[in-house]
C-alpha cells in the first residue's frame, strides 16, 4: 500500500501504516448461526465462520472465506480444524479515533462502536474495523514513523 486510505467521515487522527503481527490465536468454527458479543458490539456469524479468541480473551467472528485467505494454521493444527492460527502478514491503514464512531461491517453482519482513543483500521479491500488501542498495540507493528 502506498497511498493513504480513502477519506472517511470518521474522526481519525494520524493515519499510519501498520503490519499485523503473526500472533497465534485460538480458533473454533461456528456450528450454527449466532451473534458473537465483541468488545465493539454484536456481530453475526454463520455456520463455518471462524470465531477467534484474542490476546486479552476477547472474541470475534471472521467470515469463513476471509479467514481462510488471511490466517494460517499453527502446527499441529490443520487448515479447517479448530486450534491455533496466526494472521498472515498484511498491511493496513489505521488511526486513533478522536470521537465516537460506528462502522457497519461488510455483509451487514453488525455494527462496531468505537470511542475516542480506539483504533479504526482500514483493510486493503476497503473494509473497516474498530479495535481497542491496547489490543491494537499488541497485535500490530508500525511501519511508518
N, C-alpha and C. Protein backbone atom coordinates (compact mmCIF):
# COMPACT_ATOMS: atom_id res chain seq x y z
N UNK A 1 0.84 -1.17 0.00
CA UNK A 1 0.00 0.00 0.00
C UNK A 1 0.89 1.23 0.00
N UNK A 2 0.65 2.12 -0.90
CA UNK A 2 1.48 3.31 -0.94
C UNK A 2 0.69 4.58 -0.73
N UNK A 3 -0.61 4.57 -0.96
CA UNK A 3 -1.38 5.79 -0.78
C UNK A 3 -2.18 5.71 0.51
N UNK A 4 -2.60 6.87 0.97
CA UNK A 4 -3.41 6.91 2.19
C UNK A 4 -4.78 6.34 1.91
N UNK A 5 -5.48 5.92 2.96
CA UNK A 5 -6.82 5.37 2.76
C UNK A 5 -7.75 6.44 2.20
N UNK A 6 -8.85 5.98 1.62
CA UNK A 6 -9.84 6.92 1.12
C UNK A 6 -10.34 7.75 2.30
N UNK A 7 -10.59 9.04 2.08
CA UNK A 7 -11.12 9.84 3.19
C UNK A 7 -12.44 9.25 3.68
N UNK A 8 -12.60 9.21 4.96
CA UNK A 8 -13.85 8.74 5.55
C UNK A 8 -14.43 9.87 6.39
N UNK A 9 -15.65 9.67 6.80
CA UNK A 9 -16.25 10.66 7.68
C UNK A 9 -15.83 10.42 9.13
N UNK A 10 -14.99 9.45 9.33
CA UNK A 10 -14.55 9.12 10.68
C UNK A 10 -13.64 10.20 11.23
N UNK A 11 -13.79 10.49 12.51
CA UNK A 11 -12.92 11.47 13.17
C UNK A 11 -11.59 10.83 13.54
N UNK A 12 -10.75 10.58 12.54
CA UNK A 12 -9.50 9.85 12.75
C UNK A 12 -8.31 10.79 12.82
N UNK A 13 -7.46 10.54 13.80
CA UNK A 13 -6.21 11.28 13.92
C UNK A 13 -5.09 10.41 13.37
N UNK A 14 -4.09 11.00 12.83
CA UNK A 14 -2.82 10.38 12.45
C UNK A 14 -2.90 9.02 11.77
N UNK A 15 -3.47 8.98 10.54
CA UNK A 15 -3.45 7.73 9.76
C UNK A 15 -1.99 7.30 9.56
N UNK A 16 -1.72 6.04 9.83
CA UNK A 16 -0.38 5.49 9.60
C UNK A 16 -0.53 4.05 9.12
N UNK A 17 0.53 3.53 8.52
CA UNK A 17 0.54 2.15 8.05
C UNK A 17 1.08 1.23 9.14
N UNK A 18 0.43 0.08 9.27
CA UNK A 18 0.82 -0.92 10.25
C UNK A 18 0.82 -2.29 9.59
N UNK A 19 1.53 -3.21 10.20
CA UNK A 19 1.53 -4.61 9.75
C UNK A 19 1.00 -5.47 10.88
N UNK A 20 0.07 -6.38 10.55
CA UNK A 20 -0.45 -7.33 11.53
C UNK A 20 0.65 -8.28 11.95
N UNK A 21 0.79 -8.50 13.24
CA UNK A 21 1.77 -9.45 13.75
C UNK A 21 1.22 -10.87 13.66
N UNK A 22 2.10 -11.82 13.52
CA UNK A 22 1.69 -13.22 13.38
C UNK A 22 1.64 -13.89 14.75
N UNK A 23 0.67 -13.48 15.54
CA UNK A 23 0.49 -13.98 16.90
C UNK A 23 -0.50 -15.15 16.87
N UNK A 24 -0.12 -16.31 17.38
CA UNK A 24 -1.05 -17.45 17.40
C UNK A 24 -2.26 -17.15 18.28
N UNK A 25 -3.45 -17.46 17.75
CA UNK A 25 -4.70 -17.26 18.45
C UNK A 25 -5.51 -18.55 18.44
N UNK A 26 -6.35 -18.73 19.45
CA UNK A 26 -7.25 -19.89 19.47
C UNK A 26 -8.43 -19.62 18.55
N UNK A 27 -8.79 -20.64 17.75
CA UNK A 27 -9.88 -20.50 16.78
C UNK A 27 -10.78 -21.73 16.87
N UNK A 28 -12.07 -21.48 16.82
CA UNK A 28 -13.07 -22.55 16.66
C UNK A 28 -13.97 -22.12 15.51
N UNK A 29 -14.72 -23.05 14.99
CA UNK A 29 -15.59 -22.74 13.86
C UNK A 29 -17.04 -22.88 14.28
N UNK A 30 -17.87 -21.92 13.85
CA UNK A 30 -19.28 -21.90 14.25
C UNK A 30 -20.01 -23.11 13.68
N UNK A 31 -20.76 -23.79 14.54
CA UNK A 31 -21.55 -24.95 14.12
C UNK A 31 -23.01 -24.57 13.89
N UNK A 32 -23.33 -23.29 14.17
CA UNK A 32 -24.69 -22.78 13.96
C UNK A 32 -24.62 -21.27 13.81
N UNK A 33 -25.62 -20.67 13.17
CA UNK A 33 -25.65 -19.20 13.11
C UNK A 33 -25.80 -18.65 14.53
N UNK A 34 -25.11 -17.54 14.80
CA UNK A 34 -25.18 -16.95 16.13
C UNK A 34 -24.64 -15.53 16.11
N UNK A 35 -24.90 -14.81 17.19
CA UNK A 35 -24.32 -13.49 17.40
C UNK A 35 -23.19 -13.64 18.40
N UNK A 36 -22.05 -13.06 18.08
CA UNK A 36 -20.90 -13.06 18.98
C UNK A 36 -20.79 -11.66 19.55
N UNK A 37 -20.74 -11.56 20.86
CA UNK A 37 -20.60 -10.25 21.50
C UNK A 37 -19.11 -9.88 21.52
N UNK A 38 -18.73 -8.95 20.65
CA UNK A 38 -17.35 -8.47 20.63
C UNK A 38 -17.24 -7.28 21.57
N UNK A 39 -16.04 -6.81 21.81
CA UNK A 39 -15.86 -5.63 22.65
C UNK A 39 -16.50 -4.40 22.03
N UNK A 40 -16.66 -4.41 20.71
CA UNK A 40 -17.17 -3.24 19.98
C UNK A 40 -18.63 -3.37 19.57
N UNK A 41 -19.27 -4.49 19.87
CA UNK A 41 -20.67 -4.69 19.53
C UNK A 41 -20.94 -6.09 19.03
N UNK A 42 -22.23 -6.49 18.95
CA UNK A 42 -22.56 -7.84 18.50
C UNK A 42 -22.33 -7.99 16.99
N UNK A 43 -21.80 -9.16 16.60
CA UNK A 43 -21.52 -9.45 15.20
C UNK A 43 -22.10 -10.82 14.87
N UNK A 44 -22.84 -10.90 13.77
CA UNK A 44 -23.43 -12.16 13.34
C UNK A 44 -22.37 -13.05 12.69
N UNK A 45 -22.52 -14.35 12.90
CA UNK A 45 -21.69 -15.30 12.16
C UNK A 45 -22.57 -16.43 11.69
N UNK A 46 -22.13 -17.10 10.65
CA UNK A 46 -22.87 -18.21 10.08
C UNK A 46 -22.07 -19.49 10.26
N UNK A 47 -22.68 -20.60 9.94
CA UNK A 47 -22.01 -21.90 10.06
C UNK A 47 -20.71 -21.87 9.26
N UNK A 48 -19.63 -22.30 9.90
CA UNK A 48 -18.32 -22.35 9.26
C UNK A 48 -17.45 -21.14 9.48
N UNK A 49 -18.04 -20.02 9.94
CA UNK A 49 -17.23 -18.84 10.23
C UNK A 49 -16.28 -19.15 11.38
N UNK A 50 -15.12 -18.53 11.36
CA UNK A 50 -14.14 -18.69 12.43
C UNK A 50 -14.51 -17.77 13.59
N UNK A 51 -14.35 -18.27 14.79
CA UNK A 51 -14.53 -17.45 15.99
C UNK A 51 -13.18 -17.45 16.70
N UNK A 52 -12.57 -16.28 16.75
CA UNK A 52 -11.22 -16.14 17.28
C UNK A 52 -11.26 -15.64 18.71
N UNK A 53 -10.27 -16.04 19.50
CA UNK A 53 -10.07 -15.52 20.85
C UNK A 53 -8.74 -14.80 20.84
N UNK A 54 -8.77 -13.52 21.20
CA UNK A 54 -7.60 -12.67 21.09
C UNK A 54 -6.70 -12.64 22.31
N UNK A 55 -5.75 -11.70 22.28
CA UNK A 55 -4.69 -11.61 23.28
C UNK A 55 -5.21 -11.26 24.68
N UNK A 56 -6.40 -10.70 24.78
CA UNK A 56 -6.97 -10.35 26.08
C UNK A 56 -8.22 -11.16 26.39
N UNK A 57 -8.43 -12.27 25.63
CA UNK A 57 -9.59 -13.11 25.85
C UNK A 57 -10.82 -12.65 25.10
N UNK A 58 -10.71 -11.58 24.32
CA UNK A 58 -11.83 -11.07 23.54
C UNK A 58 -12.13 -12.02 22.37
N UNK A 59 -13.38 -12.08 21.95
CA UNK A 59 -13.76 -12.94 20.83
C UNK A 59 -14.38 -12.12 19.72
N UNK A 60 -14.20 -12.61 18.48
CA UNK A 60 -14.84 -12.00 17.32
C UNK A 60 -14.89 -13.03 16.20
N UNK A 61 -15.94 -12.93 15.36
CA UNK A 61 -16.04 -13.85 14.23
C UNK A 61 -15.41 -13.25 12.97
N UNK A 62 -14.94 -14.15 12.11
CA UNK A 62 -14.41 -13.78 10.80
C UNK A 62 -15.10 -14.68 9.77
N UNK A 63 -15.68 -14.09 8.71
CA UNK A 63 -16.31 -14.93 7.69
C UNK A 63 -15.33 -15.99 7.18
N UNK A 64 -15.87 -17.18 6.88
CA UNK A 64 -15.05 -18.33 6.52
C UNK A 64 -14.04 -18.03 5.42
N UNK A 65 -14.48 -17.47 4.29
CA UNK A 65 -13.56 -17.22 3.18
C UNK A 65 -12.46 -16.24 3.57
N UNK A 66 -12.85 -15.15 4.23
CA UNK A 66 -11.86 -14.16 4.66
C UNK A 66 -10.85 -14.80 5.61
N UNK A 67 -11.34 -15.63 6.54
CA UNK A 67 -10.45 -16.29 7.48
C UNK A 67 -9.45 -17.17 6.73
N UNK A 68 -9.92 -17.98 5.81
CA UNK A 68 -9.04 -18.89 5.07
C UNK A 68 -8.00 -18.12 4.24
N UNK A 69 -8.37 -16.92 3.78
CA UNK A 69 -7.45 -16.10 3.00
C UNK A 69 -6.41 -15.38 3.86
N UNK A 70 -6.74 -15.12 5.14
CA UNK A 70 -5.88 -14.24 5.93
C UNK A 70 -5.22 -14.88 7.16
N UNK A 71 -5.56 -16.13 7.46
CA UNK A 71 -4.96 -16.81 8.60
C UNK A 71 -4.34 -18.14 8.16
N UNK A 72 -3.32 -18.57 8.87
CA UNK A 72 -2.66 -19.85 8.58
C UNK A 72 -2.63 -20.68 9.86
N UNK A 73 -2.83 -21.99 9.74
CA UNK A 73 -2.79 -22.85 10.93
C UNK A 73 -1.37 -22.92 11.50
N UNK A 74 -1.30 -23.01 12.82
CA UNK A 74 -0.03 -23.19 13.51
C UNK A 74 0.06 -24.68 13.86
N UNK A 75 1.07 -25.40 13.34
CA UNK A 75 1.17 -26.83 13.60
C UNK A 75 1.12 -27.11 15.11
N UNK A 76 0.43 -28.17 15.50
CA UNK A 76 -0.07 -29.27 14.69
C UNK A 76 -1.47 -29.05 14.11
N UNK A 77 -2.07 -27.86 14.29
CA UNK A 77 -3.40 -27.60 13.73
C UNK A 77 -3.36 -27.71 12.21
N UNK A 78 -4.38 -28.32 11.66
CA UNK A 78 -4.51 -28.41 10.20
C UNK A 78 -5.58 -27.45 9.72
N UNK A 79 -5.41 -26.94 8.51
CA UNK A 79 -6.35 -25.98 7.93
C UNK A 79 -7.78 -26.52 8.03
N UNK A 80 -8.65 -25.69 8.56
CA UNK A 80 -10.06 -26.06 8.69
C UNK A 80 -10.42 -26.70 10.02
N UNK A 81 -9.41 -27.06 10.83
CA UNK A 81 -9.66 -27.63 12.15
C UNK A 81 -9.62 -26.52 13.20
N UNK A 82 -10.35 -26.73 14.28
CA UNK A 82 -10.21 -25.84 15.43
C UNK A 82 -8.80 -25.98 15.97
N UNK A 83 -8.25 -24.91 16.49
CA UNK A 83 -6.90 -24.94 17.05
C UNK A 83 -6.27 -23.57 17.01
N UNK A 84 -4.96 -23.54 16.81
CA UNK A 84 -4.21 -22.28 16.82
C UNK A 84 -3.94 -21.84 15.38
N UNK A 85 -4.17 -20.54 15.13
CA UNK A 85 -3.92 -19.93 13.82
C UNK A 85 -3.22 -18.60 14.06
N UNK A 86 -2.47 -18.17 13.06
CA UNK A 86 -1.82 -16.86 13.11
C UNK A 86 -2.20 -16.10 11.85
N UNK A 87 -2.37 -14.81 12.00
CA UNK A 87 -2.70 -13.97 10.85
C UNK A 87 -1.49 -13.91 9.93
N UNK A 88 -1.74 -14.03 8.63
CA UNK A 88 -0.68 -13.87 7.65
C UNK A 88 -0.27 -12.40 7.66
N UNK A 89 1.01 -12.10 7.42
CA UNK A 89 1.43 -10.70 7.41
C UNK A 89 0.60 -9.90 6.39
N UNK A 90 0.06 -8.79 6.85
CA UNK A 90 -0.71 -7.90 5.96
C UNK A 90 -0.59 -6.48 6.49
N UNK A 91 -0.63 -5.55 5.57
CA UNK A 91 -0.52 -4.13 5.92
C UNK A 91 -1.90 -3.49 5.93
N UNK A 92 -2.10 -2.56 6.86
CA UNK A 92 -3.36 -1.84 6.98
C UNK A 92 -3.06 -0.37 7.24
N UNK A 93 -4.04 0.46 7.00
CA UNK A 93 -4.02 1.84 7.47
C UNK A 93 -4.81 1.87 8.77
N UNK A 94 -4.35 2.64 9.73
CA UNK A 94 -5.05 2.74 11.00
C UNK A 94 -4.82 4.11 11.61
N UNK A 95 -5.79 4.55 12.38
CA UNK A 95 -5.67 5.83 13.07
C UNK A 95 -6.53 5.84 14.32
N UNK A 96 -6.13 6.67 15.24
CA UNK A 96 -6.82 6.80 16.52
C UNK A 96 -8.08 7.64 16.34
N UNK A 97 -9.19 7.17 16.91
CA UNK A 97 -10.44 7.93 16.84
C UNK A 97 -10.38 9.12 17.81
N UNK A 98 -10.78 10.28 17.31
CA UNK A 98 -10.83 11.48 18.13
C UNK A 98 -12.21 11.64 18.77
N UNK A 99 -13.19 10.92 18.24
CA UNK A 99 -14.57 10.99 18.75
C UNK A 99 -15.23 9.63 18.51
N UNK A 100 -16.39 9.43 19.09
CA UNK A 100 -17.12 8.18 18.88
C UNK A 100 -17.43 8.00 17.40
N UNK A 101 -17.46 6.74 16.97
CA UNK A 101 -17.69 6.44 15.55
C UNK A 101 -18.23 5.03 15.42
N UNK A 102 -19.06 4.81 14.40
CA UNK A 102 -19.63 3.49 14.12
C UNK A 102 -19.15 3.00 12.77
N UNK A 103 -18.95 1.69 12.64
CA UNK A 103 -18.57 1.06 11.39
C UNK A 103 -19.53 -0.09 11.15
N UNK A 104 -20.20 -0.09 9.98
CA UNK A 104 -21.03 -1.21 9.59
C UNK A 104 -20.15 -2.22 8.87
N UNK A 105 -20.15 -3.45 9.35
CA UNK A 105 -19.32 -4.50 8.76
C UNK A 105 -19.87 -4.94 7.41
N UNK A 106 -18.99 -5.41 6.54
CA UNK A 106 -19.42 -5.91 5.24
C UNK A 106 -20.44 -7.02 5.43
N UNK A 107 -21.36 -7.11 4.50
CA UNK A 107 -22.41 -8.12 4.60
C UNK A 107 -23.43 -7.81 5.68
N UNK A 108 -23.42 -6.60 6.19
CA UNK A 108 -24.33 -6.19 7.27
C UNK A 108 -24.34 -7.18 8.43
N UNK A 109 -23.14 -7.66 8.80
CA UNK A 109 -23.02 -8.63 9.89
C UNK A 109 -23.12 -7.98 11.26
N UNK A 110 -23.02 -6.66 11.31
CA UNK A 110 -23.11 -5.99 12.59
C UNK A 110 -22.52 -4.59 12.49
N UNK A 111 -22.62 -3.88 13.59
CA UNK A 111 -22.08 -2.53 13.69
C UNK A 111 -21.10 -2.51 14.85
N UNK A 112 -19.89 -1.99 14.57
CA UNK A 112 -18.89 -1.84 15.63
C UNK A 112 -18.95 -0.41 16.13
N UNK A 113 -18.84 -0.24 17.44
CA UNK A 113 -18.92 1.08 18.06
C UNK A 113 -17.56 1.42 18.67
N UNK A 114 -16.99 2.52 18.21
CA UNK A 114 -15.71 2.96 18.72
C UNK A 114 -15.85 4.22 19.55
N UNK A 115 -14.88 4.41 20.43
CA UNK A 115 -14.85 5.56 21.33
C UNK A 115 -13.53 6.29 21.15
N UNK A 116 -13.43 7.53 21.61
CA UNK A 116 -12.16 8.24 21.48
C UNK A 116 -11.01 7.42 22.04
N UNK A 117 -9.94 7.32 21.25
CA UNK A 117 -8.77 6.54 21.64
C UNK A 117 -8.73 5.16 21.03
N UNK A 118 -9.90 4.61 20.63
CA UNK A 118 -9.91 3.33 19.92
C UNK A 118 -9.27 3.52 18.55
N UNK A 119 -8.94 2.42 17.89
CA UNK A 119 -8.26 2.47 16.60
C UNK A 119 -9.20 2.03 15.49
N UNK A 120 -9.30 2.85 14.44
CA UNK A 120 -10.04 2.50 13.24
C UNK A 120 -9.04 1.91 12.25
N UNK A 121 -9.33 0.70 11.77
CA UNK A 121 -8.46 0.01 10.81
C UNK A 121 -9.15 -0.01 9.46
N UNK A 122 -8.39 0.27 8.41
CA UNK A 122 -8.90 0.11 7.05
C UNK A 122 -8.04 -0.93 6.35
N UNK A 123 -8.69 -2.02 5.93
CA UNK A 123 -8.01 -3.11 5.24
C UNK A 123 -7.88 -2.79 3.76
N UNK A 124 -7.04 -3.55 3.06
CA UNK A 124 -6.77 -3.29 1.64
C UNK A 124 -8.02 -3.39 0.78
N UNK A 125 -9.02 -4.18 1.21
CA UNK A 125 -10.25 -4.32 0.41
C UNK A 125 -11.28 -3.24 0.73
N UNK A 126 -10.92 -2.28 1.59
CA UNK A 126 -11.83 -1.19 1.94
C UNK A 126 -12.67 -1.46 3.17
N UNK A 127 -12.69 -2.71 3.65
CA UNK A 127 -13.41 -2.99 4.89
C UNK A 127 -12.75 -2.26 6.05
N UNK A 128 -13.54 -1.99 7.07
CA UNK A 128 -13.03 -1.32 8.25
C UNK A 128 -13.39 -2.11 9.50
N UNK A 129 -12.64 -1.86 10.56
CA UNK A 129 -12.91 -2.44 11.87
C UNK A 129 -12.47 -1.45 12.93
N UNK A 130 -12.94 -1.66 14.13
CA UNK A 130 -12.54 -0.84 15.28
C UNK A 130 -11.97 -1.78 16.33
N UNK A 131 -10.83 -1.39 16.91
CA UNK A 131 -10.16 -2.22 17.90
C UNK A 131 -9.71 -1.31 19.05
N UNK A 132 -9.82 -1.81 20.27
CA UNK A 132 -9.32 -1.07 21.42
C UNK A 132 -7.82 -0.83 21.26
N UNK A 133 -7.34 0.33 21.66
CA UNK A 133 -5.94 0.72 21.45
C UNK A 133 -4.96 -0.26 22.09
N UNK A 134 -5.25 -0.74 23.31
CA UNK A 134 -4.29 -1.64 23.97
C UNK A 134 -4.17 -2.97 23.22
N UNK A 135 -5.26 -3.46 22.67
CA UNK A 135 -5.21 -4.70 21.88
C UNK A 135 -4.50 -4.45 20.56
N UNK A 136 -4.81 -3.34 19.90
CA UNK A 136 -4.16 -2.99 18.63
C UNK A 136 -2.64 -2.90 18.82
N UNK A 137 -2.21 -2.26 19.89
CA UNK A 137 -0.78 -2.09 20.14
C UNK A 137 -0.05 -3.42 20.37
N UNK A 138 -0.77 -4.45 20.79
CA UNK A 138 -0.17 -5.77 20.98
C UNK A 138 -0.19 -6.62 19.71
N UNK A 139 -0.96 -6.21 18.71
CA UNK A 139 -1.17 -7.09 17.56
C UNK A 139 -0.75 -6.47 16.22
N UNK A 140 -0.32 -5.22 16.23
CA UNK A 140 0.13 -4.56 15.01
C UNK A 140 1.44 -3.85 15.25
N UNK A 141 2.24 -3.74 14.20
CA UNK A 141 3.55 -3.06 14.26
C UNK A 141 3.52 -1.87 13.31
N UNK A 142 3.97 -0.72 13.80
CA UNK A 142 4.02 0.50 12.99
C UNK A 142 5.05 0.35 11.87
N UNK A 143 4.66 0.70 10.65
CA UNK A 143 5.57 0.66 9.51
C UNK A 143 6.12 2.05 9.21
N UNK A 144 5.30 3.07 9.38
CA UNK A 144 5.72 4.45 9.12
C UNK A 144 6.03 5.15 10.43
N UNK A 145 7.08 5.89 10.44
CA UNK A 145 7.41 6.65 11.66
C UNK A 145 6.75 8.00 11.64
